[in-house]
Structures are given as structure tokens and as C-alpha cells.
Amino acid sequence: MKTIPSAGPDITEAEIKLVNQAIRSGWYERRNLHLDLLTAAIQRHTDKRYCLPTSSGTAAIHLALLGLNIGPGDEVIVPDITWTASAAPIHYVGATPVFCDIDERSWCLSPASFEERITKKTKAVIVVNLYGNMVDIEPIRSIARRRGIAIIEDAAESIGGEYRGRPAGTLGDVGIFSFNATKLVIAGQGGMLVTDNKKVYERAKKLAHHGMRKYTIEATFWSEEIGFNYQWTNLQAALALAQFRRLRELLAKKKRAFGWYRAALEGIPGIQLNDQPRNATNTYWIVSAIIDSAYGWKKEQLMKKFRSCHIDLRPFFYPLSSMPAWKPYVRSKNMRQQNPVAYRISPYGICLPSATGITKAEVDYVCDCLKKTLRVKPTLCPVVKLQMG
């Protein structure tokens, strides 16, 4: 049987039409046509003064840090549970990442842990809307304002989400989006930086194109400082534009799939799915589940087991502080003690198949496999063989 993928896009004739248009006529004076249209659409969506398209969400975070003049000697707080790209740009600019714990329900940055990690060197915090869950920004903003700390919102996984009526990406001083191939709105690759801060925008825009000043007859291709090749292509933006125009439809499909999972797993003790607080709207980018440790199944065991059922699971993110790449920043620290929630739930977290086009029959099959697997201990469990309806 065909493997049920962990993630994947929903492509229609609308995307094919715009991409073909960009291929056929998106050159010369029209070389930025779709890029400009998407930028304008994101600007309307966020109601931000400045929007800068970038080659990736990672590039957008990098530029945000540079725009905020963060560098060597500075510290930036970031949740321990997130994709590594949320933290990597801190290293790029020569600053020090400080990993803090997550909230047990939302899996986003814990306000209490955030406040505990602040030092005189803290210049910014990167909050992440994990798996589409929205961070509880109010207490974090209150702490940050009181201590003069900038907030960068990593909304790579939450475009279309809301917190108290405000769109994801608008909750901090700078927001970033990603259009990676597995995201809700996809372009293969790409990102966007949004802000109301003119200085941050202008600095980011300059550095995104090799540190060049605005083209004039007197100074074309004139680099005033060494920058980066972080510009995005019109061709990719055309795909993202078609997807963004279908945002409500795509969000509805994600919400429907989450509803199927919730209904199928309802009543089974010890399974925690994505949080949905009253003051926020979850995008359900990836339906994730924390499995009670009493079942005895760790995420790697479940991934291996489900592979035999032709189901592609993703692991819940590992704590960044547990990875070799980040060890230089956590030496002599007991991170398991500092971030107990992250280390307690990560081993038992899985990301269920959440491709935008997933069917109810596929969700039912995944849930049947999970229920059957959890009835026995890992060492005793036979290969699960179920038929999809």
C-alpha cells in the first residue's frame, strides 16, 4: 500500500496557472510581479508597514537579528523545543542562544522560564508558534517591555493563526513567515519578514541583497557592506501567492483533519493533542500527540512501528540543548533540570500525518494503528496489519 506522508501540499490549477504565468512572462520589467503581489497581500493580512520577502524563514530571522543590531556579547532567548532554524541565526550573528522551557499545554515558550533566563546581556527573545499552536504572548510582552527586550515572532508554522484577534506574525517587534515545502502556504522555499520598525526593515533589506545601496546611475551594484544573497525568486513567489489566496480553504482543511483525529482518539487516556485556548486560533499545521509515558512507547519506537504500517510519523522536536551542535552553549549546565517540561514530553511526542490533502480514511487508519499499538508494550508488540476503509 502507499505510504501516508507526514506532510505535503495541496496543489490545484490555481497554483499551476500562476506558476506558468511567472515562467512565461515574469521576466524583465515583470520580473518581480508576483513577488510584489504577494508582499502586498501579506502586508494587508498583517497590517504591517513593512514586509520583506526573503529566500527562507531562516534568512528572515537572521535579518531580523541584524536589523535589531544583535551581535557578539548579546544573548537571545529561544525555546528549547523548536526547529533548529529558529536558533541557528543567533549563532550566525555571534550572539549566544539561551534555551528556555516550554509551556506544558501549548508547547510554546514558557513566560516563567523566559523571565528566569533574562540577564543583563539579554537583547531579544524568539517566540515560536509550535506546530500551529499560538504562544501566549501577553505575559511575555509584559516582561520584555519591562526589561527592554525585543520580540521576534517565528510564525513559520502558524500563518493564518490568531491571538486575541491579531494575526500570527504581528505579535512582536518583528515577525517572520516560512513558505518551505512542508508549510501550510508553500513555495518550495521562501520567507517573509514583517515589522513596523523602519530602521529594522531598511537594514534587513540592504543586507538581504549583498549590502547594496539603492540602484542609481551613479552607483549601480554598489555594495556599502558585505551582505547576503537572501532575495527570493518571482517564480517561487507565484506559487506562494496562489496558495496564500487559498489560505482560508487550506486552514479549513487543516482544522477538519484535526477534528477527525480528535474524534477518533477521544476517550483514550494519556493522549494530548494540540492545544486550542479560547483566546487563540490554532492553524493545526501538524497534528501532534504526546503519549503518556505509562504506555512505554517512545517516539522512535512508534516511528519504527508505524513504518511497517506504511505511515510516516515525524518525531516531536528534540530539545535543541540535547543536540551536539548546541553543546558549546550549554556546557556545565543541567538542561534537563533547567527545562523539565521540554525533556519530559519530547521523548513521547509524535507528529501525526498532516498533509493538507489527507483523507478521513487515512486518519482513521492512522488512529486505528495507534490504538492497537498502545494496547501492548513495545517489546511484545507484533506487527500491526490493518486495512484502510
Protein backbone atom coordinates (compact mmCIF):
# COMPACT_ATOMS: atom_id res chain seq x y z
CA MET A 1 0.00 0.00 0.00
CA LYS A 2 1.03 3.62 -0.48
CA THR A 3 2.68 5.30 2.49
CA ILE A 4 0.67 8.03 4.20
CA PRO A 5 3.04 11.04 4.21
CA SER A 6 3.78 13.13 7.28
CA ALA A 7 3.25 16.38 5.39
CA GLY A 8 2.57 17.68 1.92
CA PRO A 9 0.92 20.46 -0.07
CA ASP A 10 -2.47 20.87 -1.72
CA ILE A 11 -1.86 21.96 -5.33
CA THR A 12 -4.66 23.00 -7.68
CA GLU A 13 -4.97 24.53 -11.14
CA ALA A 14 -4.74 27.96 -9.48
CA GLU A 15 -1.12 27.29 -8.49
CA ILE A 16 -0.25 25.78 -11.85
CA LYS A 17 -1.75 28.77 -13.66
CA LEU A 18 0.20 31.39 -11.70
CA VAL A 19 3.48 29.46 -11.89
CA ASN A 20 3.05 29.07 -15.66
CA GLN A 21 2.33 32.78 -15.88
CA ALA A 22 5.53 33.55 -13.99
CA ILE A 23 7.52 31.21 -16.24
CA ARG A 24 6.11 32.67 -19.44
CA SER A 25 6.02 36.37 -18.65
CA GLY A 26 7.65 37.01 -15.26
CA TRP A 27 10.85 38.47 -16.64
CA TYR A 28 12.39 41.84 -17.49
CA GLU A 29 10.12 44.63 -16.23
CA ARG A 30 7.72 41.99 -14.82
CA ARG A 31 10.44 40.04 -13.01
CA ASN A 32 9.03 40.93 -9.58
CA LEU A 33 5.34 40.95 -10.47
CA HIS A 34 4.20 38.02 -8.33
CA LEU A 35 6.72 38.82 -5.62
CA ASP A 36 5.25 42.31 -5.31
CA LEU A 37 1.69 40.98 -5.35
CA LEU A 38 2.44 38.50 -2.56
CA THR A 39 4.27 41.12 -0.50
CA ALA A 40 1.27 43.44 -0.80
CA ALA A 41 -1.09 40.61 0.17
CA ILE A 42 0.97 39.78 3.29
CA GLN A 43 1.08 43.46 4.15
CA ARG A 44 -2.71 43.67 4.03
CA HIS A 45 -3.04 40.45 6.02
CA THR A 46 -0.72 41.61 8.81
CA ASP A 47 -1.40 45.35 8.60
CA LYS A 48 2.34 45.89 8.99
CA ARG A 49 4.09 48.88 7.45
CA TYR A 50 6.99 46.91 6.05
CA CYS A 51 7.22 43.45 4.51
CA LEU A 52 10.43 41.99 3.13
CA PRO A 53 10.44 38.78 1.07
CA THR A 54 13.41 36.52 1.78
CA SER A 55 14.86 33.29 0.48
CA SER A 56 13.75 31.39 3.60
CA GLY A 57 12.29 31.77 7.06
CA THR A 58 15.78 31.20 8.46
CA ALA A 59 17.07 34.14 6.42
CA ALA A 60 14.24 36.29 7.77
CA ILE A 61 15.24 35.52 11.38
CA HIS A 62 18.89 36.22 10.55
CA LEU A 63 17.98 39.59 9.04
CA ALA A 64 15.69 40.40 11.97
CA LEU A 65 18.55 39.90 14.42
CA LEU A 66 20.90 42.00 12.29
CA GLY A 67 18.23 44.68 11.93
CA LEU A 68 17.98 44.82 15.72
CA ASN A 69 21.79 45.22 15.92
CA ILE A 70 22.25 42.00 17.85
CA GLY A 71 25.74 40.51 17.80
CA PRO A 72 28.69 39.26 19.87
CA GLY A 73 28.24 39.69 23.61
CA ASP A 74 24.45 39.65 23.36
CA GLU A 75 22.11 36.87 24.47
CA VAL A 76 18.90 35.80 22.74
CA ILE A 77 16.37 33.57 24.49
CA VAL A 78 14.71 30.85 22.44
CA PRO A 79 12.52 27.86 23.38
CA ASP A 80 14.39 24.59 23.76
CA ILE A 81 11.75 22.80 21.70
CA THR A 82 11.71 24.16 18.16
CA TRP A 83 13.18 23.54 14.73
CA THR A 84 16.91 24.28 14.80
CA ALA A 85 16.49 27.12 12.29
CA SER A 86 14.76 29.21 14.96
CA ALA A 87 18.04 29.35 16.88
CA ALA A 88 20.74 28.99 14.20
CA PRO A 89 20.69 32.69 13.20
CA ILE A 90 21.59 33.61 16.79
CA HIS A 91 24.83 31.74 16.19
CA TYR A 92 25.24 33.37 12.76
CA VAL A 93 25.36 36.86 14.28
CA GLY A 94 27.78 35.81 17.01
CA ALA A 95 25.30 36.13 19.86
CA THR A 96 24.61 33.46 22.49
CA PRO A 97 21.41 31.38 22.40
CA VAL A 98 19.81 30.79 25.79
CA PHE A 99 17.39 27.87 25.81
CA CYS A 100 14.29 28.10 27.98
CA ASP A 101 11.49 25.73 28.83
CA ILE A 102 8.09 25.39 27.16
CA ASP A 103 4.52 25.52 28.39
CA GLU A 104 3.04 22.09 29.04
CA ARG A 105 -0.19 22.77 27.11
CA SER A 106 0.80 24.96 24.18
CA TRP A 107 4.38 23.63 23.81
CA CYS A 108 5.41 27.24 23.19
CA LEU A 109 7.83 29.35 25.22
CA SER A 110 7.06 29.43 28.96
CA PRO A 111 6.74 33.00 30.30
CA ALA A 112 8.06 31.95 33.70
CA SER A 113 11.10 30.21 32.23
CA PHE A 114 11.69 33.19 29.94
CA GLU A 115 11.86 35.57 32.88
CA GLU A 116 14.23 33.26 34.75
CA ARG A 117 16.70 33.22 31.84
CA ILE A 118 16.97 37.02 31.45
CA THR A 119 20.36 38.58 32.23
CA LYS A 120 21.90 41.97 31.60
CA LYS A 121 23.08 40.60 28.25
CA THR A 122 19.61 39.62 27.01
CA LYS A 123 18.68 41.67 23.93
CA ALA A 124 15.88 39.64 22.32
CA VAL A 125 13.59 36.66 22.63
CA ILE A 126 12.41 34.48 19.75
CA VAL A 127 8.93 33.08 20.39
CA VAL A 128 7.77 30.17 18.23
CA ASN A 129 4.18 29.20 17.42
CA LEU A 130 4.97 25.49 17.56
CA TYR A 131 3.09 23.18 15.18
CA GLY A 132 0.48 25.93 14.71
CA ASN A 133 -0.14 26.43 18.44
CA MET A 134 -0.14 30.12 19.35
CA VAL A 135 2.23 31.41 22.04
CA ASP A 136 0.60 33.22 24.98
CA ILE A 137 2.28 36.50 24.14
CA GLU A 138 0.74 38.88 26.70
CA PRO A 139 2.82 37.84 29.74
CA ILE A 140 5.91 37.56 27.56
CA ARG A 141 5.36 41.03 26.11
CA SER A 142 4.86 42.48 29.57
CA ILE A 143 8.17 41.02 30.76
CA ALA A 144 10.00 42.02 27.59
CA ARG A 145 8.81 45.62 27.70
CA ARG A 146 9.76 45.96 31.33
CA ARG A 147 13.27 44.69 30.61
CA GLY A 148 13.81 46.38 27.22
CA ILE A 149 13.91 43.11 25.26
CA ALA A 150 12.91 42.89 21.58
CA ILE A 151 10.48 40.15 20.50
CA ILE A 152 10.89 38.22 17.25
CA GLU A 153 7.88 36.04 16.45
CA ASP A 154 8.66 32.90 14.49
CA ALA A 155 5.32 32.33 12.76
CA ALA A 156 6.74 29.86 10.24
CA GLU A 157 4.21 27.22 11.31
CA SER A 158 1.24 29.47 12.04
CA ILE A 159 0.35 31.69 9.09
CA GLY A 160 -3.38 32.30 9.37
CA GLY A 161 -3.42 31.75 13.13
CA GLU A 162 -4.60 34.43 15.54
CA TYR A 163 -4.07 35.55 19.13
CA ARG A 164 -6.87 37.69 20.57
CA GLY A 165 -7.87 38.72 17.06
CA ARG A 166 -4.34 39.63 15.97
CA PRO A 167 -2.75 37.66 13.11
CA ALA A 168 0.22 35.43 13.73
CA GLY A 169 3.39 37.25 12.79
CA THR A 170 2.23 40.57 14.29
CA LEU A 171 2.70 39.82 17.99
CA GLY A 172 6.28 41.06 18.36
CA ASP A 173 8.63 43.76 17.11
CA VAL A 174 9.43 41.62 14.08
CA GLY A 175 7.56 38.64 12.66
CA ILE A 176 8.69 36.03 10.17
CA PHE A 177 6.91 33.52 7.92
CA SER A 178 8.17 30.49 6.01
CA PHE A 179 6.97 29.05 2.71
CA ASN A 180 9.01 25.87 2.91
CA ALA A 181 7.72 22.81 1.04
CA THR A 182 6.02 21.34 4.13
CA LYS A 183 4.40 24.52 5.45
CA LEU A 184 0.72 25.50 5.15
CA VAL A 185 1.41 28.00 2.35
CA ILE A 186 4.21 26.54 0.27
CA ALA A 187 6.61 27.68 -2.42
CA GLY A 188 9.28 25.01 -2.14
CA GLN A 189 11.29 27.59 -0.22
CA GLY A 190 10.92 31.21 0.82
CA GLY A 191 10.18 33.53 3.71
CA MET A 192 8.90 36.95 4.75
CA LEU A 193 9.91 39.48 7.40
CA VAL A 194 7.23 41.87 8.70
CA THR A 195 7.65 44.85 11.02
CA ASP A 196 6.58 48.39 11.81
CA ASN A 197 10.18 49.37 12.55
CA LYS A 198 11.59 51.33 9.60
CA LYS A 199 15.22 51.03 10.73
CA VAL A 200 14.96 47.24 11.09
CA TYR A 201 13.33 46.96 7.67
CA GLU A 202 15.83 49.16 5.84
CA ARG A 203 18.80 47.42 7.42
CA ALA A 204 17.36 43.98 6.64
CA LYS A 205 16.51 44.96 3.06
CA LYS A 206 20.01 46.24 2.40
CA LEU A 207 21.73 43.19 3.86
CA ALA A 208 19.39 40.81 2.00
CA HIS A 209 20.92 41.99 -1.29
CA HIS A 210 24.67 41.96 -0.69
CA GLY A 211 24.68 45.19 1.30
CA MET A 212 23.97 47.21 -1.83
CA ARG A 213 22.58 50.71 -1.82
CA LYS A 214 19.56 51.54 -3.97
CA TYR A 215 20.41 51.46 -7.65
CA THR A 216 21.19 54.80 -9.28
CA ILE A 217 23.05 55.71 -12.47
CA GLU A 218 25.94 56.88 -10.34
CA ALA A 219 26.07 53.79 -8.12
CA THR A 220 24.62 50.59 -9.56
CA PHE A 221 25.75 47.27 -7.98
CA TRP A 222 27.49 49.32 -5.26
CA SER A 223 27.94 47.33 -2.03
CA GLU A 224 28.43 49.50 1.02
CA GLU A 225 28.95 46.48 3.27
CA ILE A 226 29.13 42.73 2.96
CA GLY A 227 25.64 41.31 2.92
CA PHE A 228 23.85 38.12 1.86
CA ASN A 229 22.08 36.57 -1.09
CA TYR A 230 18.70 36.36 0.63
CA GLN A 231 16.47 37.51 -2.21
CA TRP A 232 13.50 35.38 -3.22
CA THR A 233 12.54 34.44 -6.76
CA ASN A 234 9.41 35.60 -8.54
CA LEU A 235 8.76 32.03 -9.68
CA GLN A 236 8.57 30.72 -6.11
CA ALA A 237 6.52 33.72 -5.04
CA ALA A 238 3.95 32.94 -7.74
CA LEU A 239 3.34 29.54 -6.16
CA ALA A 240 3.12 31.07 -2.69
CA LEU A 241 0.73 33.76 -3.95
CA ALA A 242 -1.69 31.20 -5.35
CA GLN A 243 -1.51 29.28 -2.08
CA PHE A 244 -1.97 32.39 0.05
CA ARG A 245 -5.10 33.32 -1.91
CA ARG A 246 -6.49 29.95 -0.77
CA LEU A 247 -5.47 30.44 2.86
CA ARG A 248 -8.97 30.10 4.33
CA GLU A 249 -9.56 26.93 2.36
CA LEU A 250 -6.23 25.43 3.45
CA LEU A 251 -6.86 26.34 7.09
CA ALA A 252 -10.30 24.73 6.89
CA LYS A 253 -8.73 21.51 5.63
CA LYS A 254 -6.23 21.50 8.50
CA LYS A 255 -8.98 22.13 11.04
CA ARG A 256 -11.10 19.36 9.53
CA ALA A 257 -8.22 16.87 9.74
CA PHE A 258 -7.59 17.82 13.37
CA GLY A 259 -11.29 17.25 14.07
CA TRP A 260 -11.05 13.77 12.58
CA TYR A 261 -8.05 12.95 14.78
CA ARG A 262 -9.68 14.36 17.89
CA ALA A 263 -12.88 12.40 17.33
CA ALA A 264 -11.05 9.14 16.59
CA LEU A 265 -8.80 9.41 19.66
CA GLU A 266 -11.38 10.85 22.04
CA GLY A 267 -11.75 8.88 25.23
CA ILE A 268 -8.33 7.28 25.04
CA PRO A 269 -6.46 8.25 28.23
CA GLY A 270 -2.95 9.65 28.10
CA ILE A 271 -3.00 11.28 24.66
CA GLN A 272 -2.56 15.06 24.49
CA LEU A 273 -3.22 16.74 21.13
CA ASN A 274 -2.58 20.33 20.01
CA ASP A 275 -3.89 22.99 22.36
CA GLN A 276 -6.78 25.30 21.45
CA PRO A 277 -7.14 28.09 24.04
CA ARG A 278 -10.16 30.37 23.88
CA ASN A 279 -8.12 33.46 23.07
CA ALA A 280 -6.28 31.98 20.06
CA THR A 281 -6.87 30.28 16.72
CA ASN A 282 -4.68 27.28 16.00
CA THR A 283 -3.69 26.52 12.40
CA TYR A 284 -3.14 22.81 13.21
CA TRP A 285 -0.20 22.84 10.80
CA ILE A 286 0.88 19.45 12.16
CA VAL A 287 -1.39 17.41 14.41
CA SER A 288 0.87 16.31 17.24
CA ALA A 289 0.36 13.98 20.17
CA ILE A 290 2.14 13.49 23.47
CA ILE A 291 1.72 9.86 24.53
CA ASP A 292 1.71 9.15 28.26
CA SER A 293 4.98 7.53 29.30
CA ALA A 294 2.97 4.83 31.10
CA TYR A 295 2.35 3.20 27.72
CA GLY A 296 6.10 2.58 27.44
CA TRP A 297 6.36 3.78 23.83
CA LYS A 298 8.99 6.35 22.94
CA LYS A 299 8.70 8.32 19.71
CA GLU A 300 11.48 6.47 17.89
CA GLN A 301 9.83 3.12 18.66
CA LEU A 302 6.50 4.40 17.38
CA MET A 303 8.08 5.77 14.21
CA LYS A 304 9.68 2.40 13.51
CA LYS A 305 6.47 0.56 14.26
CA PHE A 306 4.36 2.80 12.05
CA ARG A 307 6.78 2.47 9.17
CA SER A 308 5.74 -1.18 8.97
CA CYS A 309 2.15 0.09 8.66
CA HIS A 310 3.13 2.42 5.79
CA ILE A 311 2.62 5.50 7.94
CA ASP A 312 5.22 8.27 8.05
CA LEU A 313 5.41 9.79 11.53
CA ARG A 314 7.64 12.70 12.49
CA PRO A 315 9.24 12.92 15.92
CA PHE A 316 8.22 15.75 18.21
CA PHE A 317 11.21 18.10 18.20
CA TYR A 318 14.15 17.15 20.38
CA PRO A 319 15.40 19.76 22.86
CA LEU A 320 17.99 21.81 21.00
CA SER A 321 20.17 21.77 24.11
CA SER A 322 20.45 17.98 23.80
CA MET A 323 21.99 18.15 20.31
CA PRO A 324 25.75 18.07 19.60
CA ALA A 325 25.57 21.27 17.55
CA TRP A 326 24.43 23.29 20.56
CA LYS A 327 26.63 21.71 23.25
CA PRO A 328 29.13 24.61 23.29
CA TYR A 329 26.34 26.85 24.59
CA VAL A 330 25.16 24.56 27.40
CA ARG A 331 28.37 23.16 28.87
CA SER A 332 28.29 22.88 32.68
CA LYS A 333 24.50 23.34 32.63
CA ASN A 334 21.97 20.71 33.65
CA MET A 335 19.46 21.38 30.87
CA ARG A 336 17.19 18.53 31.92
CA GLN A 337 16.81 20.26 35.25
CA GLN A 338 16.51 23.75 33.78
CA ASN A 339 13.92 22.77 31.16
CA PRO A 340 12.00 19.87 32.75
CA VAL A 341 8.87 20.11 30.58
CA ALA A 342 10.83 20.00 27.32
CA TYR A 343 12.84 16.99 28.43
CA ARG A 344 9.83 15.19 29.92
CA ILE A 345 7.46 15.36 26.96
CA SER A 346 9.80 15.32 23.95
CA PRO A 347 10.64 11.58 24.19
CA TYR A 348 6.95 10.70 23.97
CA GLY A 349 5.81 13.16 21.30
CA ILE A 350 4.89 12.27 17.73
CA CYS A 351 3.66 14.28 14.77
CA LEU A 352 0.80 12.51 13.05
CA PRO A 353 0.41 12.57 9.25
CA SER A 354 -0.92 16.03 8.39
CA ALA A 355 -0.62 16.54 4.65
CA THR A 356 -3.18 19.13 3.59
CA GLY A 357 -4.95 16.61 1.39
CA ILE A 358 -5.18 13.81 3.99
CA THR A 359 -8.47 11.90 3.88
CA LYS A 360 -10.71 10.73 6.70
CA ALA A 361 -10.00 7.11 5.76
CA GLU A 362 -6.28 7.77 6.19
CA VAL A 363 -6.81 9.48 9.55
CA ASP A 364 -8.97 6.58 10.73
CA TYR A 365 -6.30 4.12 9.65
CA VAL A 366 -3.57 6.03 11.50
CA CYS A 367 -5.69 6.19 14.65
CA ASP A 368 -6.59 2.52 14.46
CA CYS A 369 -2.89 1.68 14.22
CA LEU A 370 -2.11 3.92 17.18
CA LYS A 371 -4.87 2.47 19.36
CA LYS A 372 -3.87 -1.07 18.52
CA THR A 373 -0.20 -0.35 19.15
CA LEU A 374 -0.82 1.23 22.55
CA ARG A 375 -2.63 -1.86 23.81
CA VAL A 376 0.67 -3.75 24.18
CA LYS A 377 4.15 -2.92 25.42
CA PRO A 378 6.88 -2.18 22.83
CA THR A 379 8.82 -5.41 23.41
CA LEU A 380 5.71 -7.55 22.96
CA CYS A 381 4.00 -5.75 20.12
CA PRO A 382 3.50 -7.72 16.88
CA VAL A 383 3.43 -6.02 13.50
CA VAL A 384 0.13 -4.17 13.13
CA LYS A 385 -1.75 -5.09 9.99
CA LEU A 386 -4.91 -3.13 9.33
CA GLN A 387 -6.92 -2.43 6.22
CA MET A 388 -7.93 1.12 5.36
CA GLY A 389 -11.60 1.79 4.86
